[in-house]
Amino acid sequence: MGNVEVEAHDAGHILGSVQYEIITNDENLVYASHLNFTDTLISKAAEVAPCDTLILEAAFPPTSQKPPARETVLATIVRWALNCVSDHRIPTLATEPIGTAQELVRVFNTWTELPVVVHPKIARVSQVYENSGVALSYVDAGTERAQALVEEGKCVVIIPRRFDVTKYAEFRVAYVTAWPTRAEKDMGDVFPLSAQGGLEELLMFVKESRPKSVYTFRGGSNVLAELISKRLGVAGRVLSVEASRLQPAAPKIDDKAVGACEDYILGLVQTPNLTYEKRELIARAITEGFKLPLVEEALNRLEKKNSLKYSEMTEGYTLP
């Protein structure tokens, strides 16, 4: 674009995730959002593009302890699942439907002979991975074959984290996430696995990128910027953006329509201790015919009324 060149590099996070390198006559800058700097069974670590300036999202699991190696976590998951089968229970792993779910499918395909039954949402995503050359063997939970496998009991089931499994007494649930909620910790085992890199991985990525300066944003941006400066001797700063233009006047909100949207959202958020993703609630409300500004206003009002509680960590809502 004129004298500016923009190049995409694999971010190693999920299928299709990228970093952007912006190259000018004076310098090159890399923008990296979610990334994973470790090889997995279905993806390669994020590519390193040496740069002058690095803008890096500080999205890493909130833990003060160094997490176990990825291979150790995977081996523990498989061992747990095989023990469940021995106890005549169906091992059920609740995780993110994109990235981690597909890695778990590959793990059980590689290390065991257990058939893998996946929620239809995970099956749709897995099909995209297959179309892109990632070999996966699984059965959609909506098929008769999946029902037969569950009745037989010798299989592993993979579901989205917010799926209600309380009516499945034969399921033994574990949560596969580096960001478990308190409810998930109380409900079952938790295995710390994510498609995003941890703090040490981000620091290693910065070191290999050899930037002159790093700007961090979101998440633990203060912590990451400080560690970059102290450990790596690179200028680490938190990126802040000040609004430089006047915002247009907000359109008048129809209170009656907002109230109707609030009622609709509360009809979706019914289960205590479960997190409902903000983007999913917005998508569902828009499907019902509510406009985006109206949905956002309804969510804001519900939060102010303490009808819903929002968490920036999970980017979702729960009942107080």
C-alpha atoms as a PDB file:
ATOM      1  CA  MET A   1       0.000   0.000   0.000  1.00  0.00           C
ATOM      2  CA  GLY A   2       2.054   2.920  -1.308  1.00  0.00           C
ATOM      3  CA  ASN A   3       5.365   2.782   0.568  1.00  0.00           C
ATOM      4  CA  VAL A   4       3.942   0.518   3.296  1.00  0.00           C
ATOM      5  CA  GLU A   5       4.069  -3.272   3.118  1.00  0.00           C
ATOM      6  CA  VAL A   6       1.831  -5.440   5.318  1.00  0.00           C
ATOM      7  CA  GLU A   7       2.653  -9.113   5.823  1.00  0.00           C
ATOM      8  CA  ALA A   8       0.707 -11.733   7.809  1.00  0.00           C
ATOM      9  CA  HIS A   9       2.496 -14.307   9.992  1.00  0.00           C
ATOM     10  CA  ASP A  10       0.987 -17.353  11.718  1.00  0.00           C
ATOM     11  CA  ALA A  11       0.135 -16.634  15.367  1.00  0.00           C
ATOM     12  CA  GLY A  12      -0.045 -20.316  16.395  1.00  0.00           C
ATOM     13  CA  HIS A  13      -3.261 -19.677  18.375  1.00  0.00           C
ATOM     14  CA  ILE A  14      -6.088 -21.242  16.381  1.00  0.00           C
ATOM     15  CA  LEU A  15      -6.521 -22.060  12.705  1.00  0.00           C
ATOM     16  CA  GLY A  16      -6.234 -18.843  10.715  1.00  0.00           C
ATOM     17  CA  SER A  17      -4.970 -16.617  13.532  1.00  0.00           C
ATOM     18  CA  VAL A  18      -2.258 -14.193  12.419  1.00  0.00           C
ATOM     19  CA  GLN A  19       0.061 -11.405  13.446  1.00  0.00           C
ATOM     20  CA  TYR A  20       0.574  -8.421  11.174  1.00  0.00           C
ATOM     21  CA  GLU A  21       3.959  -6.962  10.280  1.00  0.00           C
ATOM     22  CA  ILE A  22       3.878  -3.389   8.954  1.00  0.00           C
ATOM     23  CA  ILE A  23       7.030  -2.478   7.065  1.00  0.00           C
ATOM     24  CA  THR A  24       7.954   1.125   6.161  1.00  0.00           C
ATOM     25  CA  ASN A  25      11.088   2.776   4.879  1.00  0.00           C
ATOM     26  CA  ASP A  26      12.034   3.725   8.456  1.00  0.00           C
ATOM     27  CA  GLU A  27      11.087   0.691  10.566  1.00  0.00           C
ATOM     28  CA  ASN A  28       8.930  -2.382  10.883  1.00  0.00           C
ATOM     29  CA  LEU A  29       6.222  -2.932  13.465  1.00  0.00           C
ATOM     30  CA  VAL A  30       4.529  -6.195  14.479  1.00  0.00           C
ATOM     31  CA  TYR A  31       1.037  -6.356  15.959  1.00  0.00           C
ATOM     32  CA  ALA A  32       0.273  -9.630  17.781  1.00  0.00           C
ATOM     33  CA  SER A  33      -2.967 -10.406  19.564  1.00  0.00           C
ATOM     34  CA  HIS A  34      -3.643 -13.944  20.877  1.00  0.00           C
ATOM     35  CA  LEU A  35      -0.696 -16.203  20.098  1.00  0.00           C
ATOM     36  CA  ASN A  36       0.792 -19.534  21.142  1.00  0.00           C
ATOM     37  CA  PHE A  37       4.569 -19.958  21.098  1.00  0.00           C
ATOM     38  CA  THR A  38       4.611 -23.747  21.530  1.00  0.00           C
ATOM     39  CA  ASP A  39       4.100 -26.480  18.939  1.00  0.00           C
ATOM     40  CA  THR A  40       0.930 -28.521  19.497  1.00  0.00           C
ATOM     41  CA  LEU A  41      -0.398 -31.652  17.826  1.00  0.00           C
ATOM     42  CA  ILE A  42      -2.436 -29.514  15.425  1.00  0.00           C
ATOM     43  CA  SER A  43      -0.446 -26.288  15.053  1.00  0.00           C
ATOM     44  CA  LYS A  44       3.020 -24.809  14.884  1.00  0.00           C
ATOM     45  CA  ALA A  45       4.319 -22.170  17.281  1.00  0.00           C
ATOM     46  CA  ALA A  46       3.859 -18.542  16.303  1.00  0.00           C
ATOM     47  CA  GLU A  47       6.263 -17.313  13.636  1.00  0.00           C
ATOM     48  CA  VAL A  48       8.846 -14.780  14.757  1.00  0.00           C
ATOM     49  CA  ALA A  49       9.254 -11.655  12.661  1.00  0.00           C
ATOM     50  CA  PRO A  50      12.158  -9.589  14.070  1.00  0.00           C
ATOM     51  CA  CYS A  51      10.970  -6.010  14.414  1.00  0.00           C
ATOM     52  CA  ASP A  52      11.744  -2.521  15.713  1.00  0.00           C
ATOM     53  CA  THR A  53       8.427  -2.122  17.529  1.00  0.00           C
ATOM     54  CA  LEU A  54       6.193  -4.873  18.911  1.00  0.00           C
ATOM     55  CA  ILE A  55       2.579  -4.344  19.996  1.00  0.00           C
ATOM     56  CA  LEU A  56       1.584  -7.371  22.069  1.00  0.00           C
ATOM     57  CA  GLU A  57      -1.641  -8.356  23.781  1.00  0.00           C
ATOM     58  CA  ALA A  58      -1.036  -9.435  27.382  1.00  0.00           C
ATOM     59  CA  ALA A  59      -3.537 -12.308  27.334  1.00  0.00           C
ATOM     60  CA  PHE A  60      -2.037 -14.999  29.538  1.00  0.00           C
ATOM     61  CA  PRO A  61      -3.476 -17.276  32.265  1.00  0.00           C
ATOM     62  CA  PRO A  62      -3.697 -15.525  35.653  1.00  0.00           C
ATOM     63  CA  THR A  63      -1.400 -17.708  37.725  1.00  0.00           C
ATOM     64  CA  SER A  64       1.633 -16.962  39.846  1.00  0.00           C
ATOM     65  CA  GLN A  65       2.988 -20.484  39.389  1.00  0.00           C
ATOM     66  CA  LYS A  66       4.751 -21.806  36.325  1.00  0.00           C
ATOM     67  CA  PRO A  67       2.269 -24.096  34.524  1.00  0.00           C
ATOM     68  CA  PRO A  68       3.227 -27.727  33.829  1.00  0.00           C
ATOM     69  CA  ALA A  69       4.562 -28.678  30.405  1.00  0.00           C
ATOM     70  CA  ARG A  70       1.915 -29.133  27.731  1.00  0.00           C
ATOM     71  CA  GLU A  71       2.821 -32.810  27.222  1.00  0.00           C
ATOM     72  CA  THR A  72       2.411 -33.428  30.964  1.00  0.00           C
ATOM     73  CA  VAL A  73      -1.074 -31.896  30.980  1.00  0.00           C
ATOM     74  CA  LEU A  74      -2.126 -33.951  27.956  1.00  0.00           C
ATOM     75  CA  ALA A  75      -0.811 -37.172  29.492  1.00  0.00           C
ATOM     76  CA  THR A  76      -2.714 -36.391  32.708  1.00  0.00           C
ATOM     77  CA  ILE A  77      -5.925 -35.836  30.738  1.00  0.00           C
ATOM     78  CA  VAL A  78      -5.586 -39.158  28.927  1.00  0.00           C
ATOM     79  CA  ARG A  79      -4.821 -41.009  32.163  1.00  0.00           C
ATOM     80  CA  TRP A  80      -7.861 -39.401  33.811  1.00  0.00           C
ATOM     81  CA  ALA A  81     -10.099 -40.415  30.898  1.00  0.00           C
ATOM     82  CA  LEU A  82      -8.917 -44.035  30.935  1.00  0.00           C
ATOM     83  CA  ASN A  83      -9.538 -44.204  34.693  1.00  0.00           C
ATOM     84  CA  CYS A  84     -13.081 -42.907  34.123  1.00  0.00           C
ATOM     85  CA  VAL A  85     -13.752 -45.664  31.599  1.00  0.00           C
ATOM     86  CA  SER A  86     -12.396 -48.244  34.049  1.00  0.00           C
ATOM     87  CA  ASP A  87     -14.865 -46.890  36.630  1.00  0.00           C
ATOM     88  CA  HIS A  88     -17.715 -47.273  34.094  1.00  0.00           C
ATOM     89  CA  ARG A  89     -18.115 -43.512  33.722  1.00  0.00           C
ATOM     90  CA  ILE A  90     -17.937 -41.520  30.497  1.00  0.00           C
ATOM     91  CA  PRO A  91     -15.019 -39.032  30.540  1.00  0.00           C
ATOM     92  CA  THR A  92     -16.423 -35.668  29.452  1.00  0.00           C
ATOM     93  CA  LEU A  93     -14.115 -32.741  28.724  1.00  0.00           C
ATOM     94  CA  ALA A  94     -15.590 -29.248  28.691  1.00  0.00           C
ATOM     95  CA  THR A  95     -13.430 -26.751  26.803  1.00  0.00           C
ATOM     96  CA  GLU A  96     -13.352 -24.004  24.187  1.00  0.00           C
ATOM     97  CA  PRO A  97     -14.926 -25.241  20.920  1.00  0.00           C
ATOM     98  CA  ILE A  98     -12.169 -23.753  18.756  1.00  0.00           C
ATOM     99  CA  GLY A  99      -8.526 -24.779  19.113  1.00  0.00           C
ATOM    100  CA  THR A 100      -8.340 -26.703  22.381  1.00  0.00           C
ATOM    101  CA  ALA A 101     -11.248 -28.996  21.444  1.00  0.00           C
ATOM    102  CA  GLN A 102      -9.542 -30.031  18.211  1.00  0.00           C
ATOM    103  CA  GLU A 103      -6.247 -30.630  19.995  1.00  0.00           C
ATOM    104  CA  LEU A 104      -8.032 -32.930  22.452  1.00  0.00           C
ATOM    105  CA  VAL A 105      -9.588 -34.877  19.582  1.00  0.00           C
ATOM    106  CA  ARG A 106      -6.126 -35.395  18.071  1.00  0.00           C
ATOM    107  CA  VAL A 107      -4.690 -36.415  21.466  1.00  0.00           C
ATOM    108  CA  PHE A 108      -7.225 -39.221  21.914  1.00  0.00           C
ATOM    109  CA  ASN A 109      -6.866 -40.237  18.244  1.00  0.00           C
ATOM    110  CA  THR A 110      -3.093 -40.520  18.731  1.00  0.00           C
ATOM    111  CA  TRP A 111      -2.711 -41.947  22.225  1.00  0.00           C
ATOM    112  CA  THR A 112      -5.821 -44.109  22.675  1.00  0.00           C
ATOM    113  CA  GLU A 113      -8.337 -46.210  20.788  1.00  0.00           C
ATOM    114  CA  LEU A 114     -11.307 -44.489  22.426  1.00  0.00           C
ATOM    115  CA  PRO A 115     -13.892 -43.108  19.985  1.00  0.00           C
ATOM    116  CA  VAL A 116     -14.365 -39.352  20.401  1.00  0.00           C
ATOM    117  CA  VAL A 117     -17.887 -37.923  20.494  1.00  0.00           C
ATOM    118  CA  VAL A 118     -18.086 -34.144  20.100  1.00  0.00           C
ATOM    119  CA  HIS A 119     -20.826 -31.576  20.512  1.00  0.00           C
ATOM    120  CA  PRO A 120     -22.275 -30.440  17.119  1.00  0.00           C
ATOM    121  CA  LYS A 121     -20.726 -26.983  17.566  1.00  0.00           C
ATOM    122  CA  ILE A 122     -17.295 -28.588  17.972  1.00  0.00           C
ATOM    123  CA  ALA A 123     -17.984 -30.913  15.042  1.00  0.00           C
ATOM    124  CA  ARG A 124     -18.623 -27.916  12.750  1.00  0.00           C
ATOM    125  CA  VAL A 125     -15.341 -26.289  13.759  1.00  0.00           C
ATOM    126  CA  SER A 126     -13.477 -29.596  13.443  1.00  0.00           C
ATOM    127  CA  GLN A 127     -14.749 -29.939   9.890  1.00  0.00           C
ATOM    128  CA  VAL A 128     -13.063 -26.627   9.046  1.00  0.00           C
ATOM    129  CA  TYR A 129      -9.803 -27.950  10.504  1.00  0.00           C
ATOM    130  CA  GLU A 130     -10.171 -31.121   8.418  1.00  0.00           C
ATOM    131  CA  ASN A 131     -10.798 -29.088   5.278  1.00  0.00           C
ATOM    132  CA  SER A 132      -7.509 -27.319   6.003  1.00  0.00           C
ATOM    133  CA  GLY A 133      -5.522 -30.556   6.254  1.00  0.00           C
ATOM    134  CA  VAL A 134      -5.707 -31.370   9.984  1.00  0.00           C
ATOM    135  CA  ALA A 135      -6.574 -35.078  10.330  1.00  0.00           C
ATOM    136  CA  LEU A 136      -9.205 -35.643  13.039  1.00  0.00           C
ATOM    137  CA  SER A 137     -11.438 -38.629  13.824  1.00  0.00           C
ATOM    138  CA  TYR A 138     -14.640 -37.869  15.766  1.00  0.00           C
ATOM    139  CA  VAL A 139     -18.385 -38.513  15.831  1.00  0.00           C
ATOM    140  CA  ASP A 140     -20.967 -35.732  15.899  1.00  0.00           C
ATOM    141  CA  ALA A 141     -23.056 -36.068  19.076  1.00  0.00           C
ATOM    142  CA  GLY A 142     -26.210 -35.464  17.055  1.00  0.00           C
ATOM    143  CA  THR A 143     -25.896 -38.750  15.150  1.00  0.00           C
ATOM    144  CA  GLU A 144     -27.269 -42.199  15.965  1.00  0.00           C
ATOM    145  CA  ARG A 145     -23.749 -43.624  16.057  1.00  0.00           C
ATOM    146  CA  ALA A 146     -22.790 -41.161  18.777  1.00  0.00           C
ATOM    147  CA  GLN A 147     -25.839 -42.122  20.828  1.00  0.00           C
ATOM    148  CA  ALA A 148     -24.884 -45.787  20.534  1.00  0.00           C
ATOM    149  CA  LEU A 149     -21.313 -45.033  21.668  1.00  0.00           C
ATOM    150  CA  VAL A 150     -22.577 -43.116  24.702  1.00  0.00           C
ATOM    151  CA  GLU A 151     -24.947 -45.954  25.604  1.00  0.00           C
ATOM    152  CA  GLU A 152     -22.052 -48.414  25.367  1.00  0.00           C
ATOM    153  CA  GLY A 153     -20.000 -46.110  27.618  1.00  0.00           C
ATOM    154  CA  LYS A 154     -16.569 -46.676  26.103  1.00  0.00           C
ATOM    155  CA  CYS A 155     -15.870 -43.303  24.540  1.00  0.00           C
ATOM    156  CA  VAL A 156     -14.736 -39.799  25.438  1.00  0.00           C
ATOM    157  CA  VAL A 157     -17.068 -36.823  25.026  1.00  0.00           C
ATOM    158  CA  ILE A 158     -15.941 -33.247  24.296  1.00  0.00           C
ATOM    159  CA  ILE A 159     -18.378 -30.389  24.883  1.00  0.00           C
ATOM    160  CA  PRO A 160     -18.311 -26.562  25.086  1.00  0.00           C
ATOM    161  CA  ARG A 161     -17.593 -25.257  28.585  1.00  0.00           C
ATOM    162  CA  ARG A 162     -21.069 -23.834  29.130  1.00  0.00           C
ATOM    163  CA  PHE A 163     -22.978 -26.974  28.134  1.00  0.00           C
ATOM    164  CA  ASP A 164     -25.343 -28.235  30.857  1.00  0.00           C
ATOM    165  CA  VAL A 165     -24.379 -31.833  31.722  1.00  0.00           C
ATOM    166  CA  THR A 166     -26.386 -32.153  34.939  1.00  0.00           C
ATOM    167  CA  LYS A 167     -28.908 -34.478  33.291  1.00  0.00           C
ATOM    168  CA  TYR A 168     -26.203 -36.936  32.225  1.00  0.00           C
ATOM    169  CA  ALA A 169     -25.490 -38.915  35.381  1.00  0.00           C
ATOM    170  CA  GLU A 170     -23.052 -41.253  33.652  1.00  0.00           C
ATOM    171  CA  PHE A 171     -20.778 -38.362  32.615  1.00  0.00           C
ATOM    172  CA  ARG A 172     -17.736 -37.447  34.714  1.00  0.00           C
ATOM    173  CA  VAL A 173     -16.847 -33.891  33.800  1.00  0.00           C
ATOM    174  CA  ALA A 174     -13.478 -32.150  33.768  1.00  0.00           C
ATOM    175  CA  TYR A 175     -12.769 -28.647  32.514  1.00  0.00           C
ATOM    176  CA  VAL A 176      -9.886 -28.029  30.139  1.00  0.00           C
ATOM    177  CA  THR A 177      -9.020 -24.352  30.430  1.00  0.00           C
ATOM    178  CA  ALA A 178      -6.352 -22.071  31.813  1.00  0.00           C
ATOM    179  CA  TRP A 179      -9.085 -19.647  32.948  1.00  0.00           C
ATOM    180  CA  PRO A 180     -11.422 -21.772  35.116  1.00  0.00           C
ATOM    181  CA  THR A 181     -14.308 -20.096  36.886  1.00  0.00           C
ATOM    182  CA  ARG A 182     -14.939 -20.733  40.565  1.00  0.00           C
ATOM    183  CA  ALA A 183     -18.002 -22.798  39.608  1.00  0.00           C
ATOM    184  CA  GLU A 184     -15.931 -24.983  37.270  1.00  0.00           C
ATOM    185  CA  LYS A 185     -13.368 -25.596  40.008  1.00  0.00           C
ATOM    186  CA  ASP A 186     -16.186 -26.706  42.304  1.00  0.00           C
ATOM    187  CA  MET A 187     -17.920 -28.906  39.726  1.00  0.00           C
ATOM    188  CA  GLY A 188     -15.060 -31.105  38.504  1.00  0.00           C
ATOM    189  CA  ASP A 189     -11.380 -31.574  37.751  1.00  0.00           C
ATOM    190  CA  VAL A 190      -9.573 -28.759  35.932  1.00  0.00           C
ATOM    191  CA  PHE A 191      -6.703 -29.280  33.485  1.00  0.00           C
ATOM    192  CA  PRO A 192      -4.715 -26.101  32.648  1.00  0.00           C
ATOM    193  CA  LEU A 193      -4.537 -26.217  28.865  1.00  0.00           C
ATOM    194  CA  SER A 194      -5.113 -23.352  26.446  1.00  0.00           C
ATOM    195  CA  ALA A 195      -4.580 -22.408  22.826  1.00  0.00           C
ATOM    196  CA  GLN A 196      -2.915 -19.212  24.093  1.00  0.00           C
ATOM    197  CA  GLY A 197       0.627 -18.895  25.327  1.00  0.00           C
ATOM    198  CA  GLY A 198       1.475 -18.315  28.974  1.00  0.00           C
ATOM    199  CA  LEU A 199       3.498 -15.472  30.430  1.00  0.00           C
ATOM    200  CA  GLU A 200       6.871 -17.188  29.955  1.00  0.00           C
ATOM    201  CA  GLU A 201       6.019 -17.958  26.327  1.00  0.00           C
ATOM    202  CA  LEU A 202       5.173 -14.303  25.668  1.00  0.00           C
ATOM    203  CA  LEU A 203       8.486 -13.222  27.185  1.00  0.00           C
ATOM    204  CA  MET A 204      10.351 -15.751  25.025  1.00  0.00           C
ATOM    205  CA  PHE A 205       8.477 -14.480  21.957  1.00  0.00           C
ATOM    206  CA  VAL A 206       9.538 -10.905  22.781  1.00  0.00           C
ATOM    207  CA  LYS A 207      13.140 -11.988  23.268  1.00  0.00           C
ATOM    208  CA  GLU A 208      13.297 -13.735  19.895  1.00  0.00           C
ATOM    209  CA  SER A 209      11.556 -10.828  18.140  1.00  0.00           C
ATOM    210  CA  ARG A 210      14.431  -8.535  19.256  1.00  0.00           C
ATOM    211  CA  PRO A 211      12.351  -5.320  19.316  1.00  0.00           C
ATOM    212  CA  LYS A 212      13.695  -1.947  20.408  1.00  0.00           C
ATOM    213  CA  SER A 213      10.421  -1.177  22.170  1.00  0.00           C
ATOM    214  CA  VAL A 214       7.299  -3.102  23.171  1.00  0.00           C
ATOM    215  CA  TYR A 215       3.789  -1.812  23.806  1.00  0.00           C
ATOM    216  CA  THR A 216       1.435  -4.100  25.741  1.00  0.00           C
ATOM    217  CA  PHE A 217      -2.352  -3.903  25.879  1.00  0.00           C
ATOM    218  CA  ARG A 218      -5.329  -5.600  27.570  1.00  0.00           C
ATOM    219  CA  GLY A 219      -5.135  -8.348  30.193  1.00  0.00           C
ATOM    220  CA  GLY A 220      -1.998  -8.215  32.347  1.00  0.00           C
ATOM    221  CA  SER A 221      -0.431  -5.404  30.319  1.00  0.00           C
ATOM    222  CA  ASN A 222       1.208  -3.728  33.345  1.00  0.00           C
ATOM    223  CA  VAL A 223       2.799  -6.981  34.520  1.00  0.00           C
ATOM    224  CA  LEU A 224       4.037  -7.927  31.060  1.00  0.00           C
ATOM    225  CA  ALA A 225       5.469  -4.474  30.310  1.00  0.00           C
ATOM    226  CA  GLU A 226       7.334  -4.425  33.636  1.00  0.00           C
ATOM    227  CA  LEU A 227       8.816  -7.905  33.110  1.00  0.00           C
ATOM    228  CA  ILE A 228       9.889  -7.027  29.562  1.00  0.00           C
ATOM    229  CA  SER A 229      11.788  -4.023  30.908  1.00  0.00           C
ATOM    230  CA  LYS A 230      13.351  -5.790  33.905  1.00  0.00           C
ATOM    231  CA  ARG A 231      14.174  -9.208  32.432  1.00  0.00           C
ATOM    232  CA  LEU A 232      14.894  -8.389  28.818  1.00  0.00           C
ATOM    233  CA  GLY A 233      16.203  -4.853  29.088  1.00  0.00           C
ATOM    234  CA  VAL A 234      13.783  -3.697  26.402  1.00  0.00           C
ATOM    235  CA  ALA A 235      11.621  -0.616  26.794  1.00  0.00           C
ATOM    236  CA  GLY A 236       8.228  -2.020  27.779  1.00  0.00           C
ATOM    237  CA  ARG A 237       5.225   0.320  27.993  1.00  0.00           C
ATOM    238  CA  VAL A 238       1.478  -0.048  28.375  1.00  0.00           C
ATOM    239  CA  LEU A 239      -0.300   1.140  25.246  1.00  0.00           C
ATOM    240  CA  SER A 240      -2.938   3.765  26.011  1.00  0.00           C
ATOM    241  CA  VAL A 241      -5.123   5.412  23.425  1.00  0.00           C
ATOM    242  CA  GLU A 242      -6.729   8.769  24.146  1.00  0.00           C
ATOM    243  CA  ALA A 243      -9.854   9.769  22.262  1.00  0.00           C
ATOM    244  CA  SER A 244      -8.776  12.726  20.141  1.00  0.00           C
ATOM    245  CA  ARG A 245     -12.098  13.486  18.436  1.00  0.00           C
ATOM    246  CA  LEU A 246     -15.485  14.432  19.770  1.00  0.00           C
ATOM    247  CA  GLN A 247     -17.856  11.504  19.788  1.00  0.00           C
ATOM    248  CA  PRO A 248     -21.114  11.929  17.870  1.00  0.00           C
ATOM    249  CA  ALA A 249     -24.223  12.373  19.966  1.00  0.00           C
ATOM    250  CA  ALA A 250     -25.690   9.020  20.967  1.00  0.00           C
ATOM    251  CA  PRO A 251     -29.002   8.221  19.266  1.00  0.00           C
ATOM    252  CA  LYS A 252     -32.086   8.352  21.468  1.00  0.00           C
ATOM    253  CA  ILE A 253     -32.794   4.954  23.001  1.00  0.00           C
ATOM    254  CA  ASP A 254     -36.306   3.509  23.000  1.00  0.00           C
ATOM    255  CA  ASP A 255     -36.778   2.558  26.669  1.00  0.00           C
ATOM    256  CA  LYS A 256     -39.604   0.168  25.857  1.00  0.00           C
ATOM    257  CA  ALA A 257     -37.433  -1.680  23.331  1.00  0.00           C
ATOM    258  CA  VAL A 258     -34.533  -1.776  25.799  1.00  0.00           C
ATOM    259  CA  GLY A 259     -36.834  -3.286  28.418  1.00  0.00           C
ATOM    260  CA  ALA A 260     -37.959  -5.954  25.972  1.00  0.00           C
ATOM    261  CA  CYS A 261     -34.323  -6.738  25.188  1.00  0.00           C
ATOM    262  CA  GLU A 262     -33.497  -6.959  28.911  1.00  0.00           C
ATOM    263  CA  ASP A 263     -36.309  -9.483  29.365  1.00  0.00           C
ATOM    264  CA  TYR A 264     -35.046 -11.503  26.422  1.00  0.00           C
ATOM    265  CA  ILE A 265     -31.472 -11.583  27.773  1.00  0.00           C
ATOM    266  CA  LEU A 266     -32.628 -12.593  31.257  1.00  0.00           C
ATOM    267  CA  GLY A 267     -34.570 -15.400  29.604  1.00  0.00           C
ATOM    268  CA  LEU A 268     -31.264 -16.699  28.205  1.00  0.00           C
ATOM    269  CA  VAL A 269     -29.229 -16.309  31.405  1.00  0.00           C
ATOM    270  CA  GLN A 270     -31.020 -18.796  33.641  1.00  0.00           C
ATOM    271  CA  THR A 271     -28.372 -21.007  35.241  1.00  0.00           C
ATOM    272  CA  PRO A 272     -26.455 -19.772  38.305  1.00  0.00           C
ATOM    273  CA  ASN A 273     -22.643 -20.166  38.329  1.00  0.00           C
ATOM    274  CA  LEU A 274     -22.431 -20.453  34.541  1.00  0.00           C
ATOM    275  CA  THR A 275     -20.754 -17.815  32.379  1.00  0.00           C
ATOM    276  CA  TYR A 276     -22.619 -16.628  29.291  1.00  0.00           C
ATOM    277  CA  GLU A 277     -20.317 -15.098  26.686  1.00  0.00           C
ATOM    278  CA  LYS A 278     -21.105 -11.460  25.888  1.00  0.00           C
ATOM    279  CA  ARG A 279     -20.624 -11.946  22.156  1.00  0.00           C
ATOM    280  CA  GLU A 280     -22.996 -14.923  22.131  1.00  0.00           C
ATOM    281  CA  LEU A 281     -25.707 -13.030  24.027  1.00  0.00           C
ATOM    282  CA  ILE A 282     -25.360 -10.120  21.594  1.00  0.00           C
ATOM    283  CA  ALA A 283     -25.520 -12.468  18.594  1.00  0.00           C
ATOM    284  CA  ARG A 284     -28.640 -14.195  19.951  1.00  0.00           C
ATOM    285  CA  ALA A 285     -30.375 -10.866  20.649  1.00  0.00           C
ATOM    286  CA  ILE A 286     -29.541  -9.507  17.186  1.00  0.00           C
ATOM    287  CA  THR A 287     -30.977 -12.697  15.679  1.00  0.00           C
ATOM    288  CA  GLU A 288     -34.218 -11.863  17.521  1.00  0.00           C
ATOM    289  CA  GLY A 289     -34.314  -8.480  15.777  1.00  0.00           C
ATOM    290  CA  PHE A 290     -32.746  -6.194  18.399  1.00  0.00           C
ATOM    291  CA  LYS A 291     -30.229  -3.638  17.083  1.00  0.00           C
ATOM    292  CA  LEU A 292     -26.653  -3.694  18.440  1.00  0.00           C
ATOM    293  CA  PRO A 293     -26.774  -0.303  20.287  1.00  0.00           C
ATOM    294  CA  LEU A 294     -30.013  -1.387  21.938  1.00  0.00           C
ATOM    295  CA  VAL A 295     -28.526  -4.735  23.045  1.00  0.00           C
ATOM    296  CA  GLU A 296     -25.459  -3.028  24.489  1.00  0.00           C
ATOM    297  CA  GLU A 297     -27.670  -0.571  26.391  1.00  0.00           C
ATOM    298  CA  ALA A 298     -29.768  -3.442  27.754  1.00  0.00           C
ATOM    299  CA  LEU A 299     -26.645  -5.234  28.991  1.00  0.00           C
ATOM    300  CA  ASN A 300     -25.336  -2.044  30.604  1.00  0.00           C
ATOM    301  CA  ARG A 301     -28.619  -1.472  32.414  1.00  0.00           C
ATOM    302  CA  LEU A 302     -28.814  -5.069  33.624  1.00  0.00           C
ATOM    303  CA  GLU A 303     -25.292  -4.729  35.003  1.00  0.00           C
ATOM    304  CA  LYS A 304     -26.128  -1.426  36.753  1.00  0.00           C
ATOM    305  CA  LYS A 305     -29.236  -3.023  38.278  1.00  0.00           C
ATOM    306  CA  ASN A 306     -27.063  -5.929  39.493  1.00  0.00           C
ATOM    307  CA  SER A 307     -29.264  -8.313  37.515  1.00  0.00           C
ATOM    308  CA  LEU A 308     -26.115  -9.533  35.743  1.00  0.00           C
ATOM    309  CA  LYS A 309     -22.453  -9.477  36.698  1.00  0.00           C
ATOM    310  CA  TYR A 310     -19.801  -8.941  34.007  1.00  0.00           C
ATOM    311  CA  SER A 311     -16.247 -10.338  34.118  1.00  0.00           C
ATOM    312  CA  GLU A 312     -13.530  -8.877  31.885  1.00  0.00           C
ATOM    313  CA  MET A 313     -11.479 -12.041  32.403  1.00  0.00           C
ATOM    314  CA  THR A 314     -14.112 -14.334  30.851  1.00  0.00           C
ATOM    315  CA  GLU A 315     -15.764 -11.595  28.748  1.00  0.00           C
ATOM    316  CA  GLY A 316     -19.092 -12.921  29.918  1.00  0.00           C
ATOM    317  CA  TYR A 317     -22.008 -12.503  32.309  1.00  0.00           C
ATOM    318  CA  THR A 318     -23.200 -14.509  35.296  1.00  0.00           C
ATOM    319  CA  LEU A 319     -26.136 -14.215  37.670  1.00  0.00           C
ATOM    320  CA  PRO A 320     -25.018 -12.422  40.877  1.00  0.00           C
END
